[in-house]
Structure formats: C-alpha cells, structure tokens
Protein backbone atom coordinates (compact mmCIF):
# COMPACT_ATOMS: atom_id res chain seq x y z
CA MET A 1 138.62 92.97 131.96
CA ALA A 2 138.25 95.47 134.79
CA ILE A 3 137.75 99.22 134.57
CA GLU A 4 138.83 101.67 137.30
CA SER A 5 136.07 104.11 138.26
CA GLN A 6 136.46 106.49 141.20
CA GLY A 7 138.53 103.95 143.13
CA ALA A 8 136.01 101.15 142.55
CA VAL A 9 136.45 98.25 140.18
CA CYS A 10 133.67 97.70 137.67
CA ALA A 11 133.35 94.27 136.06
CA LYS A 12 132.72 93.83 132.36
CA SER A 13 130.50 90.92 131.45
CA ASP A 14 128.88 90.29 128.04
CA ASN A 15 129.79 93.79 126.84
CA THR A 16 127.86 95.26 129.81
CA VAL A 17 129.59 97.34 132.42
CA VAL A 18 128.41 96.53 135.93
CA GLU A 19 128.79 99.62 138.08
CA SER A 20 129.73 99.23 141.72
CA GLN A 21 128.65 101.75 144.31
CA VAL A 22 131.30 103.76 146.09
CA LEU A 23 130.63 104.66 149.71
CA SER A 24 130.43 108.34 150.48
CA GLU A 25 132.82 109.88 153.01
CA GLY A 26 130.13 109.90 155.70
CA SER A 27 129.27 106.25 155.08
CA ARG A 28 132.94 105.26 155.28
CA LYS A 29 133.28 107.00 158.62
CA LEU A 30 130.12 105.30 159.91
CA VAL A 31 131.34 101.85 158.81
CA THR A 32 134.78 102.51 160.36
CA LEU A 33 133.16 103.61 163.61
CA ALA A 34 130.94 100.51 163.69
CA VAL A 35 133.92 98.18 163.15
CA MET A 36 135.96 99.96 165.83
CA LEU A 37 133.11 99.82 168.35
CA SER A 38 132.58 96.13 167.59
CA ALA A 39 136.26 95.40 168.27
CA ILE A 40 136.10 97.33 171.54
CA MET A 41 132.98 95.42 172.61
CA VAL A 42 134.67 92.07 171.91
CA LEU A 43 137.70 93.13 173.94
CA LEU A 44 135.49 94.33 176.79
CA ASP A 45 133.52 91.06 176.77
CA MET A 46 136.71 89.00 176.91
CA THR A 47 138.06 91.11 179.78
CA ILE A 48 134.86 90.78 181.81
CA ALA A 49 134.77 87.03 181.22
CA ASN A 50 138.42 86.57 182.26
CA VAL A 51 137.90 88.60 185.44
CA ALA A 52 134.77 86.59 186.30
CA LEU A 53 136.30 83.14 185.66
CA PRO A 54 137.85 82.63 189.12
CA HIS A 55 134.55 83.59 190.79
CA MET A 56 132.62 81.26 188.47
CA MET A 57 135.01 78.41 189.23
CA GLY A 58 134.56 78.87 192.97
CA ALA A 59 130.79 79.33 192.87
CA LEU A 60 130.19 76.37 190.58
CA GLY A 61 132.87 74.13 192.04
CA VAL A 62 134.45 73.29 188.71
CA THR A 63 137.99 73.12 187.38
CA SER A 64 139.57 75.41 184.81
CA ASP A 65 139.30 72.64 182.18
CA GLN A 66 135.56 72.44 182.71
CA ILE A 67 135.23 76.24 182.46
CA ARG A 68 137.24 76.23 179.21
CA SER A 69 134.63 73.92 177.68
CA LEU A 70 132.22 76.89 177.90
CA GLY A 71 134.37 78.72 175.36
CA TYR A 72 136.34 81.11 177.56
C-alpha cells in the first residue's frame, strides 16, 4: 500500500512507513540545470567530433568505416 505525502510516495512495509525525501525548490532547480548542461555538453561534443572527422580521416589516412569503429 502506498501513501501520498507532499507529492512523494512513501512505502509501507511491516507496518512501518518509510519516508522518502522530497527535493526542495532550490535542489530541483540545481538538478534540472545539471541535466540541461550535461545534454548541452553531449551535443557540443558530438558536433566537435563530426566537424573534426574529415580532418582526422585525411591526417590518419583511414576510411570512414575505420573512423566509425572509434565510436563516432
């Protein structure tokens, strides 16, 4: 059985209510900012890698299939 408490779900086990912690407004904003910055960093990394691929292929003398094996 679950109990609603300030938007958080508390579990009931062996007649004991386990309380879950609810993030404060400031913590929610900080977590949201961290997730958004992480997504931007991933996008930036992918963009830089895709722009650098043709130069890497020429400098290393490899084909696009060989470059793809690096994970890009």
